[in-house]
PDB file of all heavy atoms in Angstrom:
ATOM      1  N   ILE A   1      89.841  93.817  99.961  1.00  0.00           N
ATOM      2  CA  ILE A   1      88.897  93.619 101.053  1.00  0.00           C
ATOM      3  C   ILE A   1      89.409  94.453 102.222  1.00  0.00           C
ATOM      4  O   ILE A   1      90.603  94.436 102.524  1.00  0.00           O
ATOM      5  CB  ILE A   1      88.819  92.141 101.484  1.00  0.00           C
ATOM      6  CG1 ILE A   1      88.388  91.250 100.313  1.00  0.00           C
ATOM      7  CG2 ILE A   1      87.858  91.968 102.665  1.00  0.00           C
ATOM      8  CD1 ILE A   1      88.488  89.762 100.626  1.00  0.00           C
ATOM      9  N   GLY A   2      88.514  95.181 102.881  1.00  0.00           N
ATOM     10  CA  GLY A   2      88.894  95.958 104.050  1.00  0.00           C
ATOM     11  C   GLY A   2      88.101  95.517 105.265  1.00  0.00           C
ATOM     12  O   GLY A   2      86.877  95.356 105.193  1.00  0.00           O
ATOM     13  N   ILE A   3      88.791  95.302 106.381  1.00  0.00           N
ATOM     14  CA  ILE A   3      88.138  94.909 107.632  1.00  0.00           C
ATOM     15  C   ILE A   3      88.428  95.959 108.696  1.00  0.00           C
ATOM     16  O   ILE A   3      89.563  96.410 108.856  1.00  0.00           O
ATOM     17  CB  ILE A   3      88.638  93.524 108.104  1.00  0.00           C
ATOM     18  CG1 ILE A   3      87.997  92.414 107.259  1.00  0.00           C
ATOM     19  CG2 ILE A   3      88.341  93.292 109.588  1.00  0.00           C
ATOM     20  CD1 ILE A   3      88.451  91.014 107.634  1.00  0.00           C
ATOM     21  N   ASP A   4      87.374  96.343 109.431  1.00  0.00           N
ATOM     22  CA  ASP A   4      87.565  97.267 110.547  1.00  0.00           C
ATOM     23  C   ASP A   4      86.516  96.996 111.611  1.00  0.00           C
ATOM     24  O   ASP A   4      85.397  96.551 111.306  1.00  0.00           O
ATOM     25  CB  ASP A   4      87.472  98.720 110.085  1.00  0.00           C
ATOM     26  CG  ASP A   4      88.190  99.663 111.044  1.00  0.00           C
ATOM     27  OD1 ASP A   4      87.568 100.081 112.048  1.00  0.00           O
ATOM     28  OD2 ASP A   4      89.381  99.966 110.805  1.00  0.00           O
ATOM     29  N   LEU A   5      86.870  97.263 112.859  1.00  0.00           N
ATOM     30  CA  LEU A   5      85.969  97.050 113.987  1.00  0.00           C
ATOM     31  C   LEU A   5      84.911  98.147 114.092  1.00  0.00           C
ATOM     32  O   LEU A   5      83.828  97.924 114.625  1.00  0.00           O
ATOM     33  CB  LEU A   5      86.787  96.985 115.286  1.00  0.00           C
ATOM     34  CG  LEU A   5      86.039  96.721 116.591  1.00  0.00           C
ATOM     35  CD1 LEU A   5      85.349  95.368 116.563  1.00  0.00           C
ATOM     36  CD2 LEU A   5      87.002  96.802 117.770  1.00  0.00           C
ATOM     37  N   SER A   6      85.223  99.337 113.581  1.00  0.00           N
ATOM     38  CA  SER A   6      84.342 100.491 113.731  1.00  0.00           C
ATOM     39  C   SER A   6      83.362 100.607 112.569  1.00  0.00           C
ATOM     40  O   SER A   6      83.754 100.828 111.428  1.00  0.00           O
ATOM     41  CB  SER A   6      85.173 101.775 113.838  1.00  0.00           C
ATOM     42  OG  SER A   6      84.336 102.918 113.724  1.00  0.00           O
ATOM     43  N   GLU A   7      82.072 100.493 112.875  1.00  0.00           N
ATOM     44  CA  GLU A   7      81.050 100.687 111.844  1.00  0.00           C
ATOM     45  C   GLU A   7      81.094 102.105 111.295  1.00  0.00           C
ATOM     46  O   GLU A   7      80.876 102.332 110.099  1.00  0.00           O
ATOM     47  CB  GLU A   7      79.666 100.393 112.413  1.00  0.00           C
ATOM     48  CG  GLU A   7      79.425  98.935 112.772  1.00  0.00           C
ATOM     49  CD  GLU A   7      78.008  98.697 113.259  1.00  0.00           C
ATOM     50  OE1 GLU A   7      77.151  99.575 113.011  1.00  0.00           O
ATOM     51  OE2 GLU A   7      77.760  97.643 113.868  1.00  0.00           O
ATOM     52  N   ASP A   8      81.372 103.076 112.173  1.00  0.00           N
ATOM     53  CA  ASP A   8      81.396 104.474 111.746  1.00  0.00           C
ATOM     54  C   ASP A   8      82.503 104.727 110.728  1.00  0.00           C
ATOM     55  O   ASP A   8      82.302 105.442 109.741  1.00  0.00           O
ATOM     56  CB  ASP A   8      81.587 105.388 112.966  1.00  0.00           C
ATOM     57  CG  ASP A   8      80.474 105.238 113.974  1.00  0.00           C
ATOM     58  OD1 ASP A   8      80.589 104.350 114.844  1.00  0.00           O
ATOM     59  OD2 ASP A   8      79.488 105.983 113.891  1.00  0.00           O
ATOM     60  N   MET A   9      83.679 104.147 110.973  1.00  0.00           N
ATOM     61  CA  MET A   9      84.780 104.309 110.025  1.00  0.00           C
ATOM     62  C   MET A   9      84.442 103.651 108.693  1.00  0.00           C
ATOM     63  O   MET A   9      84.706 104.199 107.620  1.00  0.00           O
ATOM     64  CB  MET A   9      86.065 103.715 110.598  1.00  0.00           C
ATOM     65  CG  MET A   9      86.563 104.389 111.875  1.00  0.00           C
ATOM     66  SD  MET A   9      87.284 106.024 111.610  1.00  0.00           S
ATOM     67  CE  MET A   9      88.993 105.569 111.319  1.00  0.00           C
ATOM     68  N   LEU A  10      83.829 102.479 108.746  1.00  0.00           N
ATOM     69  CA  LEU A  10      83.478 101.777 107.515  1.00  0.00           C
ATOM     70  C   LEU A  10      82.420 102.528 106.722  1.00  0.00           C
ATOM     71  O   LEU A  10      82.422 102.495 105.485  1.00  0.00           O
ATOM     72  CB  LEU A  10      82.993 100.365 107.836  1.00  0.00           C
ATOM     73  CG  LEU A  10      84.071  99.374 108.303  1.00  0.00           C
ATOM     74  CD1 LEU A  10      83.438  98.036 108.654  1.00  0.00           C
ATOM     75  CD2 LEU A  10      85.145  99.181 107.239  1.00  0.00           C
ATOM     76  N   MET A  11      81.507 103.202 107.391  1.00  0.00           N
ATOM     77  CA  MET A  11      80.509 103.995 106.684  1.00  0.00           C
ATOM     78  C   MET A  11      81.176 105.107 105.881  1.00  0.00           C
ATOM     79  O   MET A  11      80.789 105.402 104.752  1.00  0.00           O
ATOM     80  CB  MET A  11      79.496 104.567 107.675  1.00  0.00           C
ATOM     81  CG  MET A  11      78.526 103.539 108.229  1.00  0.00           C
ATOM     82  SD  MET A  11      77.367 104.225 109.441  1.00  0.00           S
ATOM     83  CE  MET A  11      76.443 105.369 108.395  1.00  0.00           C
ATOM     84  N   GLU A  12      82.194 105.726 106.491  1.00  0.00           N
ATOM     85  CA  GLU A  12      82.954 106.752 105.769  1.00  0.00           C
ATOM     86  C   GLU A  12      83.670 106.135 104.568  1.00  0.00           C
ATOM     87  O   GLU A  12      83.694 106.708 103.473  1.00  0.00           O
ATOM     88  CB  GLU A  12      83.976 107.411 106.705  1.00  0.00           C
ATOM     89  CG  GLU A  12      83.384 108.140 107.903  1.00  0.00           C
ATOM     90  CD  GLU A  12      82.670 109.418 107.522  1.00  0.00           C
ATOM     91  OE1 GLU A  12      83.062 110.047 106.513  1.00  0.00           O
ATOM     92  OE2 GLU A  12      81.702 109.778 108.231  1.00  0.00           O
ATOM     93  N   ALA A  13      84.262 104.963 104.771  1.00  0.00           N
ATOM     94  CA  ALA A  13      84.985 104.286 103.692  1.00  0.00           C
ATOM     95  C   ALA A  13      84.056 103.912 102.551  1.00  0.00           C
ATOM     96  O   ALA A  13      84.378 104.130 101.375  1.00  0.00           O
ATOM     97  CB  ALA A  13      85.677 103.026 104.243  1.00  0.00           C
ATOM     98  N   MET A  14      82.894 103.366 102.861  1.00  0.00           N
ATOM     99  CA  MET A  14      81.964 102.928 101.826  1.00  0.00           C
ATOM    100  C   MET A  14      81.394 104.103 101.052  1.00  0.00           C
ATOM    101  O   MET A  14      81.149 104.000  99.851  1.00  0.00           O
ATOM    102  CB  MET A  14      80.852 102.084 102.445  1.00  0.00           C
ATOM    103  CG  MET A  14      81.326 100.704 102.877  1.00  0.00           C
ATOM    104  SD  MET A  14      80.000  99.598 103.439  1.00  0.00           S
ATOM    105  CE  MET A  14      79.623 100.325 105.027  1.00  0.00           C
ATOM    106  N   ALA A  15      81.202 105.227 101.726  1.00  0.00           N
ATOM    107  CA  ALA A  15      80.697 106.414 101.029  1.00  0.00           C
ATOM    108  C   ALA A  15      81.689 106.876  99.969  1.00  0.00           C
ATOM    109  O   ALA A  15      81.296 107.215  98.841  1.00  0.00           O
ATOM    110  CB  ALA A  15      80.425 107.535 102.033  1.00  0.00           C
ATOM    111  N   LYS A  16      82.973 106.878 100.296  1.00  0.00           N
ATOM    112  CA  LYS A  16      83.992 107.287  99.315  1.00  0.00           C
ATOM    113  C   LYS A  16      84.110 106.268  98.191  1.00  0.00           C
ATOM    114  O   LYS A  16      84.280 106.637  97.025  1.00  0.00           O
ATOM    115  CB  LYS A  16      85.345 107.464 100.014  1.00  0.00           C
ATOM    116  CG  LYS A  16      85.390 108.668 100.935  1.00  0.00           C
ATOM    117  CD  LYS A  16      86.759 108.880 101.531  1.00  0.00           C
ATOM    118  CE  LYS A  16      87.078 107.881 102.596  1.00  0.00           C
ATOM    119  NZ  LYS A  16      88.320 108.187 103.326  1.00  0.00           N
ATOM    120  N   THR A  17      84.012 104.994  98.537  1.00  0.00           N
ATOM    121  CA  THR A  17      84.128 103.946  97.527  1.00  0.00           C
ATOM    122  C   THR A  17      82.965 104.005  96.545  1.00  0.00           C
ATOM    123  O   THR A  17      83.137 103.836  95.343  1.00  0.00           O
ATOM    124  CB  THR A  17      84.188 102.559  98.196  1.00  0.00           C
ATOM    125  OG1 THR A  17      85.341 102.506  99.035  1.00  0.00           O
ATOM    126  CG2 THR A  17      84.287 101.460  97.159  1.00  0.00           C
ATOM    127  N   ASP A  18      81.755 104.262  97.057  1.00  0.00           N
ATOM    128  CA  ASP A  18      80.582 104.360  96.183  1.00  0.00           C
ATOM    129  C   ASP A  18      80.740 105.504  95.198  1.00  0.00           C
ATOM    130  O   ASP A  18      80.392 105.397  94.020  1.00  0.00           O
ATOM    131  CB  ASP A  18      79.313 104.561  97.019  1.00  0.00           C
ATOM    132  CG  ASP A  18      78.909 103.296  97.765  1.00  0.00           C
ATOM    133  OD1 ASP A  18      79.400 102.218  97.382  1.00  0.00           O
ATOM    134  OD2 ASP A  18      78.121 103.399  98.712  1.00  0.00           O
ATOM    135  N   GLU A  19      81.290 106.620  95.670  1.00  0.00           N
ATOM    136  CA  GLU A  19      81.492 107.780  94.801  1.00  0.00           C
ATOM    137  C   GLU A  19      82.457 107.447  93.668  1.00  0.00           C
ATOM    138  O   GLU A  19      82.294 107.904  92.535  1.00  0.00           O
ATOM    139  CB  GLU A  19      82.032 108.966  95.616  1.00  0.00           C
ATOM    140  CG  GLU A  19      81.030 109.557  96.591  1.00  0.00           C
ATOM    141  CD  GLU A  19      81.647 110.632  97.460  1.00  0.00           C
ATOM    142  OE1 GLU A  19      82.850 110.935  97.259  1.00  0.00           O
ATOM    143  OE2 GLU A  19      80.956 111.171  98.337  1.00  0.00           O
ATOM    144  N   GLU A  20      83.463 106.659  93.957  1.00  0.00           N
ATOM    145  CA  GLU A  20      84.491 106.353  92.961  1.00  0.00           C
ATOM    146  C   GLU A  20      84.226 105.039  92.228  1.00  0.00           C
ATOM    147  O   GLU A  20      84.988 104.652  91.350  1.00  0.00           O
ATOM    148  CB  GLU A  20      85.865 106.299  93.659  1.00  0.00           C
ATOM    149  CG  GLU A  20      86.246 107.636  94.286  1.00  0.00           C
ATOM    150  CD  GLU A  20      87.473 107.526  95.175  1.00  0.00           C
ATOM    151  OE1 GLU A  20      88.093 106.448  95.190  1.00  0.00           O
ATOM    152  OE2 GLU A  20      87.801 108.516  95.847  1.00  0.00           O
ATOM    153  N   GLN A  21      83.153 104.345  92.626  1.00  0.00           N
ATOM    154  CA  GLN A  21      82.751 103.092  91.988  1.00  0.00           C
ATOM    155  C   GLN A  21      83.886 102.059  91.975  1.00  0.00           C
ATOM    156  O   GLN A  21      84.162 101.417  90.977  1.00  0.00           O
ATOM    157  CB  GLN A  21      82.242 103.363  90.557  1.00  0.00           C
ATOM    158  CG  GLN A  21      80.994 104.227  90.520  1.00  0.00           C
ATOM    159  CD  GLN A  21      80.446 104.414  89.119  1.00  0.00           C
ATOM    160  OE1 GLN A  21      81.166 104.322  88.137  1.00  0.00           O
ATOM    161  NE2 GLN A  21      79.158 104.673  89.019  1.00  0.00           N
ATOM    162  N   GLN A  22      84.530 101.944  93.125  1.00  0.00           N
ATOM    163  CA  GLN A  22      85.568 100.923  93.284  1.00  0.00           C
ATOM    164  C   GLN A  22      84.942  99.671  93.884  1.00  0.00           C
ATOM    165  O   GLN A  22      84.132  99.750  94.809  1.00  0.00           O
ATOM    166  CB  GLN A  22      86.694 101.427  94.194  1.00  0.00           C
ATOM    167  CG  GLN A  22      87.534 102.545  93.585  1.00  0.00           C
ATOM    168  CD  GLN A  22      88.588 103.035  94.564  1.00  0.00           C
ATOM    169  OE1 GLN A  22      88.271 103.441  95.665  1.00  0.00           O
ATOM    170  NE2 GLN A  22      89.841 103.001  94.145  1.00  0.00           N
ATOM    171  N   GLY A  23      85.306  98.523  93.376  1.00  0.00           N
ATOM    172  CA  GLY A  23      84.724  97.271  93.840  1.00  0.00           C
ATOM    173  C   GLY A  23      85.399  96.737  95.078  1.00  0.00           C
ATOM    174  O   GLY A  23      85.974  95.637  95.059  1.00  0.00           O
ATOM    175  N   ILE A  24      85.364  97.482  96.170  1.00  0.00           N
ATOM    176  CA  ILE A  24      86.009  97.069  97.423  1.00  0.00           C
ATOM    177  C   ILE A  24      84.957  96.463  98.340  1.00  0.00           C
ATOM    178  O   ILE A  24      83.868  97.010  98.519  1.00  0.00           O
ATOM    179  CB  ILE A  24      86.690  98.270  98.113  1.00  0.00           C
ATOM    180  CG1 ILE A  24      87.774  98.870  97.219  1.00  0.00           C
ATOM    181  CG2 ILE A  24      87.280  97.839  99.461  1.00  0.00           C
ATOM    182  CD1 ILE A  24      88.330 100.183  97.743  1.00  0.00           C
ATOM    183  N   LEU A  25      85.282  95.327  98.936  1.00  0.00           N
ATOM    184  CA  LEU A  25      84.404  94.689  99.911  1.00  0.00           C
ATOM    185  C   LEU A  25      84.851  95.103 101.312  1.00  0.00           C
ATOM    186  O   LEU A  25      85.989  94.840 101.710  1.00  0.00           O
ATOM    187  CB  LEU A  25      84.472  93.167  99.772  1.00  0.00           C
ATOM    188  CG  LEU A  25      83.711  92.359 100.833  1.00  0.00           C
ATOM    189  CD1 LEU A  25      82.217  92.634 100.775  1.00  0.00           C
ATOM    190  CD2 LEU A  25      84.001  90.863 100.675  1.00  0.00           C
ATOM    191  N   TYR A  26      83.963  95.761 102.049  1.00  0.00           N
ATOM    192  CA  TYR A  26      84.267  96.149 103.422  1.00  0.00           C
ATOM    193  C   TYR A  26      83.488  95.254 104.388  1.00  0.00           C
ATOM    194  O   TYR A  26      82.297  94.999 104.201  1.00  0.00           O
ATOM    195  CB  TYR A  26      83.903  97.615 103.672  1.00  0.00           C
ATOM    196  CG  TYR A  26      84.847  98.593 103.014  1.00  0.00           C
ATOM    197  CD1 TYR A  26      84.435  99.366 101.925  1.00  0.00           C
ATOM    198  CD2 TYR A  26      86.146  98.766 103.482  1.00  0.00           C
ATOM    199  CE1 TYR A  26      85.297 100.266 101.321  1.00  0.00           C
ATOM    200  CE2 TYR A  26      87.014  99.661 102.886  1.00  0.00           C
ATOM    201  CZ  TYR A  26      86.586 100.410 101.809  1.00  0.00           C
ATOM    202  OH  TYR A  26      87.449 101.301 101.204  1.00  0.00           O
ATOM    203  N   LEU A  27      84.173  94.787 105.430  1.00  0.00           N
ATOM    204  CA  LEU A  27      83.579  93.893 106.416  1.00  0.00           C
ATOM    205  C   LEU A  27      83.767  94.459 107.821  1.00  0.00           C
ATOM    206  O   LEU A  27      84.878  94.863 108.184  1.00  0.00           O
ATOM    207  CB  LEU A  27      84.226  92.501 106.343  1.00  0.00           C
ATOM    208  CG  LEU A  27      84.135  91.769 104.995  1.00  0.00           C
ATOM    209  CD1 LEU A  27      84.966  90.488 105.048  1.00  0.00           C
ATOM    210  CD2 LEU A  27      82.694  91.456 104.638  1.00  0.00           C
ATOM    211  N   ASN A  28      82.683  94.487 108.586  1.00  0.00           N
ATOM    212  CA  ASN A  28      82.741  94.947 109.970  1.00  0.00           C
ATOM    213  C   ASN A  28      83.076  93.754 110.862  1.00  0.00           C
ATOM    214  O   ASN A  28      82.202  92.991 111.259  1.00  0.00           O
ATOM    215  CB  ASN A  28      81.397  95.565 110.350  1.00  0.00           C
ATOM    216  CG  ASN A  28      81.374  96.080 111.783  1.00  0.00           C
ATOM    217  OD1 ASN A  28      80.339  96.039 112.439  1.00  0.00           O
ATOM    218  ND2 ASN A  28      82.507  96.562 112.271  1.00  0.00           N
ATOM    219  N   GLN A  29      84.368  93.584 111.148  1.00  0.00           N
ATOM    220  CA  GLN A  29      84.828  92.453 111.951  1.00  0.00           C
ATOM    221  C   GLN A  29      85.955  92.887 112.876  1.00  0.00           C
ATOM    222  O   GLN A  29      86.644  93.879 112.623  1.00  0.00           O
ATOM    223  CB  GLN A  29      85.326  91.310 111.050  1.00  0.00           C
ATOM    224  CG  GLN A  29      84.279  90.673 110.171  1.00  0.00           C
ATOM    225  CD  GLN A  29      84.818  89.471 109.401  1.00  0.00           C
ATOM    226  OE1 GLN A  29      85.924  88.996 109.638  1.00  0.00           O
ATOM    227  NE2 GLN A  29      84.026  88.977 108.468  1.00  0.00           N
ATOM    228  N   ASP A  30      86.142  92.112 113.916  1.00  0.00           N
ATOM    229  CA  ASP A  30      87.273  92.270 114.823  1.00  0.00           C
ATOM    230  C   ASP A  30      88.451  91.511 114.219  1.00  0.00           C
ATOM    231  O   ASP A  30      88.329  90.319 113.918  1.00  0.00           O
ATOM    232  CB  ASP A  30      86.899  91.688 116.192  1.00  0.00           C
ATOM    233  CG  ASP A  30      87.922  91.987 117.285  1.00  0.00           C
ATOM    234  OD1 ASP A  30      89.134  92.028 116.971  1.00  0.00           O
ATOM    235  OD2 ASP A  30      87.509  92.146 118.438  1.00  0.00           O
ATOM    236  N   MET A  31      89.572  92.180 114.061  1.00  0.00           N
ATOM    237  CA  MET A  31      90.717  91.531 113.416  1.00  0.00           C
ATOM    238  C   MET A  31      91.248  90.351 114.235  1.00  0.00           C
ATOM    239  O   MET A  31      91.947  89.490 113.716  1.00  0.00           O
ATOM    240  CB  MET A  31      91.835  92.545 113.157  1.00  0.00           C
ATOM    241  CG  MET A  31      92.540  93.059 114.367  1.00  0.00           C
ATOM    242  SD  MET A  31      93.941  94.134 113.946  1.00  0.00           S
ATOM    243  CE  MET A  31      93.105  95.617 113.360  1.00  0.00           C
ATOM    244  N   ARG A  32      90.883  90.290 115.506  1.00  0.00           N
ATOM    245  CA  ARG A  32      91.332  89.178 116.351  1.00  0.00           C
ATOM    246  C   ARG A  32      90.568  87.888 116.064  1.00  0.00           C
ATOM    247  O   ARG A  32      90.981  86.812 116.524  1.00  0.00           O
ATOM    248  CB  ARG A  32      91.173  89.554 117.832  1.00  0.00           C
ATOM    249  CG  ARG A  32      92.067  90.692 118.279  1.00  0.00           C
ATOM    250  CD  ARG A  32      91.692  91.195 119.647  1.00  0.00           C
ATOM    251  NE  ARG A  32      90.371  91.820 119.670  1.00  0.00           N
ATOM    252  CZ  ARG A  32      89.851  92.444 120.730  1.00  0.00           C
ATOM    253  NH1 ARG A  32      90.563  92.509 121.859  1.00  0.00           N
ATOM    254  NH2 ARG A  32      88.657  92.985 120.672  1.00  0.00           N
ATOM    255  N   SER A  33      89.493  88.009 115.304  1.00  0.00           N
ATOM    256  CA  SER A  33      88.689  86.816 115.006  1.00  0.00           C
ATOM    257  C   SER A  33      88.066  86.921 113.611  1.00  0.00           C
ATOM    258  O   SER A  33      86.962  86.442 113.392  1.00  0.00           O
ATOM    259  CB  SER A  33      87.584  86.644 116.061  1.00  0.00           C
ATOM    260  OG  SER A  33      86.789  87.821 116.151  1.00  0.00           O
ATOM    261  N   PHE A  34      88.780  87.547 112.671  1.00  0.00           N
ATOM    262  CA  PHE A  34      88.203  87.776 111.351  1.00  0.00           C
ATOM    263  C   PHE A  34      87.994  86.472 110.586  1.00  0.00           C
ATOM    264  O   PHE A  34      88.682  85.473 110.823  1.00  0.00           O
ATOM    265  CB  PHE A  34      89.056  88.764 110.544  1.00  0.00           C
ATOM    266  CG  PHE A  34      90.379  88.234 110.044  1.00  0.00           C
ATOM    267  CD1 PHE A  34      90.479  87.609 108.813  1.00  0.00           C
ATOM    268  CD2 PHE A  34      91.541  88.381 110.797  1.00  0.00           C
ATOM    269  CE1 PHE A  34      91.694  87.130 108.338  1.00  0.00           C
ATOM    270  CE2 PHE A  34      92.768  87.906 110.344  1.00  0.00           C
ATOM    271  CZ  PHE A  34      92.842  87.276 109.105  1.00  0.00           C
ATOM    272  N   GLU A  35      87.033  86.515 109.662  1.00  0.00           N
ATOM    273  CA  GLU A  35      86.708  85.354 108.849  1.00  0.00           C
ATOM    274  C   GLU A  35      86.579  85.766 107.387  1.00  0.00           C
ATOM    275  O   GLU A  35      86.016  86.824 107.079  1.00  0.00           O
ATOM    276  CB  GLU A  35      85.381  84.714 109.294  1.00  0.00           C
ATOM    277  CG  GLU A  35      85.404  84.141 110.692  1.00  0.00           C
ATOM    278  CD  GLU A  35      84.088  83.482 111.056  1.00  0.00           C
ATOM    279  OE1 GLU A  35      83.403  82.980 110.139  1.00  0.00           O
ATOM    280  OE2 GLU A  35      83.740  83.474 112.245  1.00  0.00           O
ATOM    281  N   LEU A  36      87.100  84.935 106.498  1.00  0.00           N
ATOM    282  CA  LEU A  36      86.979  85.139 105.061  1.00  0.00           C
ATOM    283  C   LEU A  36      86.390  83.885 104.430  1.00  0.00           C
ATOM    284  O   LEU A  36      86.408  82.808 105.026  1.00  0.00           O
ATOM    285  CB  LEU A  36      88.344  85.445 104.430  1.00  0.00           C
ATOM    286  CG  LEU A  36      89.105  86.677 104.937  1.00  0.00           C
ATOM    287  CD1 LEU A  36      90.469  86.761 104.264  1.00  0.00           C
ATOM    288  CD2 LEU A  36      88.310  87.959 104.688  1.00  0.00           C
ATOM    289  N   TYR A  37      85.881  84.031 103.203  1.00  0.00           N
ATOM    290  CA  TYR A  37      85.323  82.882 102.491  1.00  0.00           C
ATOM    291  C   TYR A  37      86.399  82.057 101.787  1.00  0.00           C
ATOM    292  O   TYR A  37      86.156  80.921 101.383  1.00  0.00           O
ATOM    293  CB  TYR A  37      84.281  83.346 101.478  1.00  0.00           C
ATOM    294  CG  TYR A  37      83.015  83.856 102.118  1.00  0.00           C
ATOM    295  CD1 TYR A  37      82.692  85.205 102.094  1.00  0.00           C
ATOM    296  CD2 TYR A  37      82.150  82.978 102.767  1.00  0.00           C
ATOM    297  CE1 TYR A  37      81.529  85.671 102.692  1.00  0.00           C
ATOM    298  CE2 TYR A  37      80.986  83.429 103.364  1.00  0.00           C
ATOM    299  CZ  TYR A  37      80.679  84.786 103.325  1.00  0.00           C
ATOM    300  OH  TYR A  37      79.532  85.242 103.915  1.00  0.00           O
ATOM    301  N   GLY A  38      87.585  82.636 101.622  1.00  0.00           N
ATOM    302  CA  GLY A  38      88.681  81.935 100.964  1.00  0.00           C
ATOM    303  C   GLY A  38      89.988  82.592 101.330  1.00  0.00           C
ATOM    304  O   GLY A  38      90.067  83.409 102.259  1.00  0.00           O
ATOM    305  N   THR A  39      91.036  82.281 100.607  1.00  0.00           N
ATOM    306  CA  THR A  39      92.355  82.823 100.907  1.00  0.00           C
ATOM    307  C   THR A  39      92.657  84.054 100.049  1.00  0.00           C
ATOM    308  O   THR A  39      92.001  84.311  99.042  1.00  0.00           O
ATOM    309  CB  THR A  39      93.447  81.764 100.671  1.00  0.00           C
ATOM    310  OG1 THR A  39      93.377  81.312  99.306  1.00  0.00           O
ATOM    311  CG2 THR A  39      93.258  80.584 101.605  1.00  0.00           C
ATOM    312  N   VAL A  40      93.668  84.798 100.457  1.00  0.00           N
ATOM    313  CA  VAL A  40      94.091  86.015  99.760  1.00  0.00           C
ATOM    314  C   VAL A  40      95.597  85.943  99.509  1.00  0.00           C
ATOM    315  O   VAL A  40      96.314  85.210 100.192  1.00  0.00           O
ATOM    316  CB  VAL A  40      93.751  87.283 100.576  1.00  0.00           C
ATOM    317  CG1 VAL A  40      92.246  87.431 100.742  1.00  0.00           C
ATOM    318  CG2 VAL A  40      94.440  87.257 101.950  1.00  0.00           C
ATOM    319  N   ARG A  41      96.060  86.716  98.548  1.00  0.00           N
ATOM    320  CA  ARG A  41      97.484  86.679  98.221  1.00  0.00           C
ATOM    321  C   ARG A  41      98.325  87.402  99.265  1.00  0.00           C
ATOM    322  O   ARG A  41      99.483  87.057  99.489  1.00  0.00           O
ATOM    323  CB  ARG A  41      97.729  87.304  96.847  1.00  0.00           C
ATOM    324  CG  ARG A  41      97.206  86.475  95.691  1.00  0.00           C
ATOM    325  CD  ARG A  41      97.930  86.800  94.405  1.00  0.00           C
ATOM    326  NE  ARG A  41      99.333  86.430  94.468  1.00  0.00           N
ATOM    327  CZ  ARG A  41     100.249  86.780  93.561  1.00  0.00           C
ATOM    328  NH1 ARG A  41      99.891  87.531  92.530  1.00  0.00           N
ATOM    329  NH2 ARG A  41     101.505  86.398  93.687  1.00  0.00           N
ATOM    330  N   ALA A  42      97.734  88.424  99.877  1.00  0.00           N
ATOM    331  CA  ALA A  42      98.483  89.192 100.880  1.00  0.00           C
ATOM    332  C   ALA A  42      97.518  89.815 101.868  1.00  0.00           C
ATOM    333  O   ALA A  42      96.342  90.046 101.575  1.00  0.00           O
ATOM    334  CB  ALA A  42      99.338  90.270 100.216  1.00  0.00           C
ATOM    335  N   ILE A  43      98.041  90.094 103.050  1.00  0.00           N
ATOM    336  CA  ILE A  43      97.331  90.853 104.076  1.00  0.00           C
ATOM    337  C   ILE A  43      98.223  92.019 104.465  1.00  0.00           C
ATOM    338  O   ILE A  43      99.440  91.854 104.626  1.00  0.00           O
ATOM    339  CB  ILE A  43      97.028  89.989 105.313  1.00  0.00           C
ATOM    340  CG1 ILE A  43      96.132  88.797 104.925  1.00  0.00           C
ATOM    341  CG2 ILE A  43      96.369  90.808 106.411  1.00  0.00           C
ATOM    342  CD1 ILE A  43      95.925  87.803 106.048  1.00  0.00           C
ATOM    343  N   VAL A  44      97.638  93.200 104.590  1.00  0.00           N
ATOM    344  CA  VAL A  44      98.399  94.389 104.986  1.00  0.00           C
ATOM    345  C   VAL A  44      97.682  95.077 106.137  1.00  0.00           C
ATOM    346  O   VAL A  44      96.467  94.941 106.308  1.00  0.00           O
ATOM    347  CB  VAL A  44      98.594  95.374 103.811  1.00  0.00           C
ATOM    348  CG1 VAL A  44      99.365  94.716 102.673  1.00  0.00           C
ATOM    349  CG2 VAL A  44      97.258  95.910 103.309  1.00  0.00           C
TER     350      VAL A  44
END
């Protein structure tokens, strides 16, 4: 899962992911108040 505040940066990320058919979920959120539906094993 990738989170970023910039919609423009995420558009670039999603375009590359679509080309490579990687199942990455990108979310346009502020990291100071991010929300997930569940827990994750790690955050980087």
